[in-house]
Amino acid sequence: MAAKKAVEHSKNFQKVKDYYDRGLWSIDRVYNAVGKWITEAEYYEITGLTYPEK
């Protein structure tokens, strides 16, 4: 069985995810972080929504 490759995230992915999960950031704030702090794929991973869908 092959070893699972670790998923690499943007530098601020965990910070944004934590803020969102704790309710400190709204979905709009996460949306605005795309392209600055996180990628569109990471937006989906955090929110479960396809970017740019709100």
PDB file of N, CA and C in Angstrom:
ATOM      1  N   MET A   1       0.846  -1.186   0.000  1.00  0.00           N
ATOM      2  CA  MET A   1       0.000   0.000   0.000  1.00  0.00           C
ATOM      3  C   MET A   1       0.890   1.248   0.000  1.00  0.00           C
ATOM      4  N   ALA A   2       0.596   2.182  -0.879  1.00  0.00           N
ATOM      5  CA  ALA A   2       1.388   3.406  -1.000  1.00  0.00           C
ATOM      6  C   ALA A   2       1.070   4.364   0.138  1.00  0.00           C
ATOM      7  N   ALA A   3       2.093   5.090   0.543  1.00  0.00           N
ATOM      8  CA  ALA A   3       1.901   6.087   1.600  1.00  0.00           C
ATOM      9  C   ALA A   3       1.066   7.233   1.049  1.00  0.00           C
ATOM     10  N   LYS A   4       0.196   7.765   1.875  1.00  0.00           N
ATOM     11  CA  LYS A   4      -0.661   8.875   1.474  1.00  0.00           C
ATOM     12  C   LYS A   4       0.162  10.162   1.460  1.00  0.00           C
ATOM     13  N   LYS A   5       0.048  10.903   0.369  1.00  0.00           N
ATOM     14  CA  LYS A   5       0.771  12.162   0.244  1.00  0.00           C
ATOM     15  C   LYS A   5       0.078  13.228   1.083  1.00  0.00           C
ATOM     16  N   ALA A   6       0.854  13.960   1.859  1.00  0.00           N
ATOM     17  CA  ALA A   6       0.305  15.023   2.694  1.00  0.00           C
ATOM     18  C   ALA A   6      -0.172  16.170   1.815  1.00  0.00           C
ATOM     19  N   VAL A   7      -1.327  16.712   2.145  1.00  0.00           N
ATOM     20  CA  VAL A   7      -1.877  17.848   1.403  1.00  0.00           C
ATOM     21  C   VAL A   7      -1.188  19.113   1.901  1.00  0.00           C
ATOM     22  N   GLU A   8      -0.693  19.895   0.953  1.00  0.00           N
ATOM     23  CA  GLU A   8      -0.043  21.152   1.324  1.00  0.00           C
ATOM     24  C   GLU A   8      -1.056  22.284   1.226  1.00  0.00           C
ATOM     25  N   HIS A   9      -1.073  23.111   2.245  1.00  0.00           N
ATOM     26  CA  HIS A   9      -1.986  24.249   2.292  1.00  0.00           C
ATOM     27  C   HIS A   9      -1.204  25.550   2.256  1.00  0.00           C
ATOM     28  N   SER A  10      -1.910  26.617   1.958  1.00  0.00           N
ATOM     29  CA  SER A  10      -1.323  27.952   2.010  1.00  0.00           C
ATOM     30  C   SER A  10      -0.858  28.240   3.431  1.00  0.00           C
ATOM     31  N   LYS A  11       0.034  29.196   3.525  1.00  0.00           N
ATOM     32  CA  LYS A  11       0.614  29.570   4.815  1.00  0.00           C
ATOM     33  C   LYS A  11      -0.455  29.893   5.870  1.00  0.00           C
ATOM     34  N   ASN A  12      -1.529  30.565   5.466  1.00  0.00           N
ATOM     35  CA  ASN A  12      -2.547  31.011   6.418  1.00  0.00           C
ATOM     36  C   ASN A  12      -3.804  30.150   6.446  1.00  0.00           C
ATOM     37  N   PHE A  13      -3.779  28.999   5.771  1.00  0.00           N
ATOM     38  CA  PHE A  13      -4.964  28.142   5.713  1.00  0.00           C
ATOM     39  C   PHE A  13      -5.483  27.795   7.108  1.00  0.00           C
ATOM     40  N   GLN A  14      -4.624  27.304   7.968  1.00  0.00           N
ATOM     41  CA  GLN A  14      -5.073  26.850   9.285  1.00  0.00           C
ATOM     42  C   GLN A  14      -5.636  27.998  10.113  1.00  0.00           C
ATOM     43  N   LYS A  15      -5.041  29.168   9.963  1.00  0.00           N
ATOM     44  CA  LYS A  15      -5.518  30.348  10.687  1.00  0.00           C
ATOM     45  C   LYS A  15      -6.938  30.709  10.235  1.00  0.00           C
ATOM     46  N   VAL A  16      -7.149  30.759   8.915  1.00  0.00           N
ATOM     47  CA  VAL A  16      -8.464  31.098   8.373  1.00  0.00           C
ATOM     48  C   VAL A  16      -9.486  30.047   8.780  1.00  0.00           C
ATOM     49  N   LYS A  17      -9.123  28.768   8.669  1.00  0.00           N
ATOM     50  CA  LYS A  17     -10.030  27.676   9.042  1.00  0.00           C
ATOM     51  C   LYS A  17     -10.414  27.772  10.515  1.00  0.00           C
ATOM     52  N   ASP A  18      -9.443  28.034  11.357  1.00  0.00           N
ATOM     53  CA  ASP A  18      -9.702  28.153  12.795  1.00  0.00           C
ATOM     54  C   ASP A  18     -10.637  29.333  13.084  1.00  0.00           C
ATOM     55  N   TYR A  19     -10.373  30.472  12.483  1.00  0.00           N
ATOM     56  CA  TYR A  19     -11.238  31.643  12.687  1.00  0.00           C
ATOM     57  C   TYR A  19     -12.680  31.339  12.266  1.00  0.00           C
ATOM     58  N   TYR A  20     -12.825  30.685  11.119  1.00  0.00           N
ATOM     59  CA  TYR A  20     -14.166  30.354  10.614  1.00  0.00           C
ATOM     60  C   TYR A  20     -14.845  29.321  11.514  1.00  0.00           C
ATOM     61  N   ASP A  21     -14.123  28.268  11.858  1.00  0.00           N
ATOM     62  CA  ASP A  21     -14.693  27.209  12.700  1.00  0.00           C
ATOM     63  C   ASP A  21     -15.108  27.722  14.079  1.00  0.00           C
ATOM     64  N   ARG A  22     -14.388  28.692  14.608  1.00  0.00           N
ATOM     65  CA  ARG A  22     -14.702  29.246  15.929  1.00  0.00           C
ATOM     66  C   ARG A  22     -15.752  30.351  15.863  1.00  0.00           C
ATOM     67  N   GLY A  23     -16.193  30.691  14.645  1.00  0.00           N
ATOM     68  CA  GLY A  23     -17.222  31.709  14.491  1.00  0.00           C
ATOM     69  C   GLY A  23     -16.698  33.129  14.559  1.00  0.00           C
ATOM     70  N   LEU A  24     -15.386  33.277  14.498  1.00  0.00           N
ATOM     71  CA  LEU A  24     -14.796  34.611  14.550  1.00  0.00           C
ATOM     72  C   LEU A  24     -14.857  35.300  13.188  1.00  0.00           C
ATOM     73  N   TRP A  25     -14.875  34.499  12.125  1.00  0.00           N
ATOM     74  CA  TRP A  25     -14.978  35.021  10.765  1.00  0.00           C
ATOM     75  C   TRP A  25     -16.248  34.509  10.123  1.00  0.00           C
ATOM     76  N   SER A  26     -16.930  35.396   9.405  1.00  0.00           N
ATOM     77  CA  SER A  26     -18.101  35.014   8.620  1.00  0.00           C
ATOM     78  C   SER A  26     -17.626  34.382   7.312  1.00  0.00           C
ATOM     79  N   ILE A  27     -18.562  33.788   6.598  1.00  0.00           N
ATOM     80  CA  ILE A  27     -18.237  33.204   5.302  1.00  0.00           C
ATOM     81  C   ILE A  27     -17.780  34.289   4.323  1.00  0.00           C
ATOM     82  N   ASP A  28     -18.295  35.495   4.470  1.00  0.00           N
ATOM     83  CA  ASP A  28     -17.870  36.603   3.613  1.00  0.00           C
ATOM     84  C   ASP A  28     -16.405  36.954   3.846  1.00  0.00           C
ATOM     85  N   ARG A  29     -15.980  36.864   5.080  1.00  0.00           N
ATOM     86  CA  ARG A  29     -14.573  37.151   5.405  1.00  0.00           C
ATOM     87  C   ARG A  29     -13.668  36.093   4.788  1.00  0.00           C
ATOM     88  N   VAL A  30     -14.083  34.838   4.856  1.00  0.00           N
ATOM     89  CA  VAL A  30     -13.312  33.758   4.230  1.00  0.00           C
ATOM     90  C   VAL A  30     -13.285  33.982   2.719  1.00  0.00           C
ATOM     91  N   TYR A  31     -14.431  34.347   2.148  1.00  0.00           N
ATOM     92  CA  TYR A  31     -14.535  34.640   0.710  1.00  0.00           C
ATOM     93  C   TYR A  31     -13.523  35.716   0.310  1.00  0.00           C
ATOM     94  N   ASN A  32     -13.424  36.751   1.119  1.00  0.00           N
ATOM     95  CA  ASN A  32     -12.506  37.854   0.819  1.00  0.00           C
ATOM     96  C   ASN A  32     -11.038  37.469   0.993  1.00  0.00           C
ATOM     97  N   ALA A  33     -10.769  36.389   1.699  1.00  0.00           N
ATOM     98  CA  ALA A  33      -9.390  35.938   1.908  1.00  0.00           C
ATOM     99  C   ALA A  33      -8.847  35.168   0.700  1.00  0.00           C
ATOM    100  N   VAL A  34      -9.741  34.731  -0.192  1.00  0.00           N
ATOM    101  CA  VAL A  34      -9.308  33.975  -1.378  1.00  0.00           C
ATOM    102  C   VAL A  34      -8.449  34.876  -2.259  1.00  0.00           C
ATOM    103  N   GLY A  35      -7.304  34.351  -2.647  1.00  0.00           N
ATOM    104  CA  GLY A  35      -6.373  35.108  -3.475  1.00  0.00           C
ATOM    105  C   GLY A  35      -5.380  35.923  -2.671  1.00  0.00           C
ATOM    106  N   LYS A  36      -5.689  36.129  -1.402  1.00  0.00           N
ATOM    107  CA  LYS A  36      -4.789  36.873  -0.526  1.00  0.00           C
ATOM    108  C   LYS A  36      -4.136  35.919   0.475  1.00  0.00           C
ATOM    109  N   TRP A  37      -4.955  35.122   1.155  1.00  0.00           N
ATOM    110  CA  TRP A  37      -4.466  34.213   2.191  1.00  0.00           C
ATOM    111  C   TRP A  37      -4.658  32.749   1.829  1.00  0.00           C
ATOM    112  N   ILE A  38      -5.721  32.438   1.091  1.00  0.00           N
ATOM    113  CA  ILE A  38      -6.052  31.046   0.760  1.00  0.00           C
ATOM    114  C   ILE A  38      -6.423  30.927  -0.713  1.00  0.00           C
ATOM    115  N   THR A  39      -6.491  29.682  -1.185  1.00  0.00           N
ATOM    116  CA  THR A  39      -6.878  29.417  -2.576  1.00  0.00           C
ATOM    117  C   THR A  39      -8.372  29.111  -2.648  1.00  0.00           C
ATOM    118  N   GLU A  40      -8.885  29.040  -3.870  1.00  0.00           N
ATOM    119  CA  GLU A  40     -10.288  28.676  -4.068  1.00  0.00           C
ATOM    120  C   GLU A  40     -10.562  27.265  -3.558  1.00  0.00           C
ATOM    121  N   ALA A  41      -9.627  26.354  -3.766  1.00  0.00           N
ATOM    122  CA  ALA A  41      -9.787  24.981  -3.281  1.00  0.00           C
ATOM    123  C   ALA A  41      -9.839  24.943  -1.755  1.00  0.00           C
ATOM    124  N   GLU A  42      -9.041  25.771  -1.124  1.00  0.00           N
ATOM    125  CA  GLU A  42      -9.039  25.834   0.339  1.00  0.00           C
ATOM    126  C   GLU A  42     -10.328  26.461   0.856  1.00  0.00           C
ATOM    127  N   TYR A  43     -10.866  27.426   0.117  1.00  0.00           N
ATOM    128  CA  TYR A  43     -12.169  28.006   0.455  1.00  0.00           C
ATOM    129  C   TYR A  43     -13.206  26.897   0.529  1.00  0.00           C
ATOM    130  N   TYR A  44     -13.210  26.016  -0.478  1.00  0.00           N
ATOM    131  CA  TYR A  44     -14.142  24.893  -0.497  1.00  0.00           C
ATOM    132  C   TYR A  44     -13.896  23.963   0.693  1.00  0.00           C
ATOM    133  N   GLU A  45     -12.646  23.696   0.978  1.00  0.00           N
ATOM    134  CA  GLU A  45     -12.297  22.810   2.092  1.00  0.00           C
ATOM    135  C   GLU A  45     -12.781  23.382   3.430  1.00  0.00           C
ATOM    136  N   ILE A  46     -12.709  24.688   3.584  1.00  0.00           N
ATOM    137  CA  ILE A  46     -13.110  25.337   4.832  1.00  0.00           C
ATOM    138  C   ILE A  46     -14.625  25.454   4.946  1.00  0.00           C
ATOM    139  N   THR A  47     -15.289  25.885   3.860  1.00  0.00           N
ATOM    140  CA  THR A  47     -16.716  26.213   3.930  1.00  0.00           C
ATOM    141  C   THR A  47     -17.641  25.131   3.397  1.00  0.00           C
ATOM    142  N   GLY A  48     -17.123  24.278   2.516  1.00  0.00           N
ATOM    143  CA  GLY A  48     -17.974  23.268   1.872  1.00  0.00           C
ATOM    144  C   GLY A  48     -18.731  23.824   0.692  1.00  0.00           C
ATOM    145  N   LEU A  49     -18.453  25.080   0.328  1.00  0.00           N
ATOM    146  CA  LEU A  49     -19.111  25.730  -0.802  1.00  0.00           C
ATOM    147  C   LEU A  49     -18.101  25.981  -1.913  1.00  0.00           C
ATOM    148  N   THR A  50     -18.576  25.901  -3.148  1.00  0.00           N
ATOM    149  CA  THR A  50     -17.729  26.183  -4.290  1.00  0.00           C
ATOM    150  C   THR A  50     -17.573  27.680  -4.445  1.00  0.00           C
ATOM    151  N   TYR A  51     -16.345  28.141  -4.550  1.00  0.00           N
ATOM    152  CA  TYR A  51     -16.079  29.553  -4.776  1.00  0.00           C
ATOM    153  C   TYR A  51     -16.481  29.882  -6.201  1.00  0.00           C
ATOM    154  N   PRO A  52     -17.168  30.975  -6.493  1.00  0.00           N
ATOM    155  CA  PRO A  52     -17.545  32.125  -5.697  1.00  0.00           C
ATOM    156  C   PRO A  52     -18.952  32.046  -5.122  1.00  0.00           C
ATOM    157  N   GLU A  53     -19.550  30.892  -5.126  1.00  0.00           N
ATOM    158  CA  GLU A  53     -20.869  30.716  -4.541  1.00  0.00           C
ATOM    159  C   GLU A  53     -20.837  31.059  -3.051  1.00  0.00           C
ATOM    160  N   LYS A  54     -21.856  31.791  -2.605  1.00  0.00           N
ATOM    161  CA  LYS A  54     -21.919  32.149  -1.174  1.00  0.00           C
ATOM    162  C   LYS A  54     -22.996  31.375  -0.485  1.00  0.00           C
TER     163      LYS A  54
END
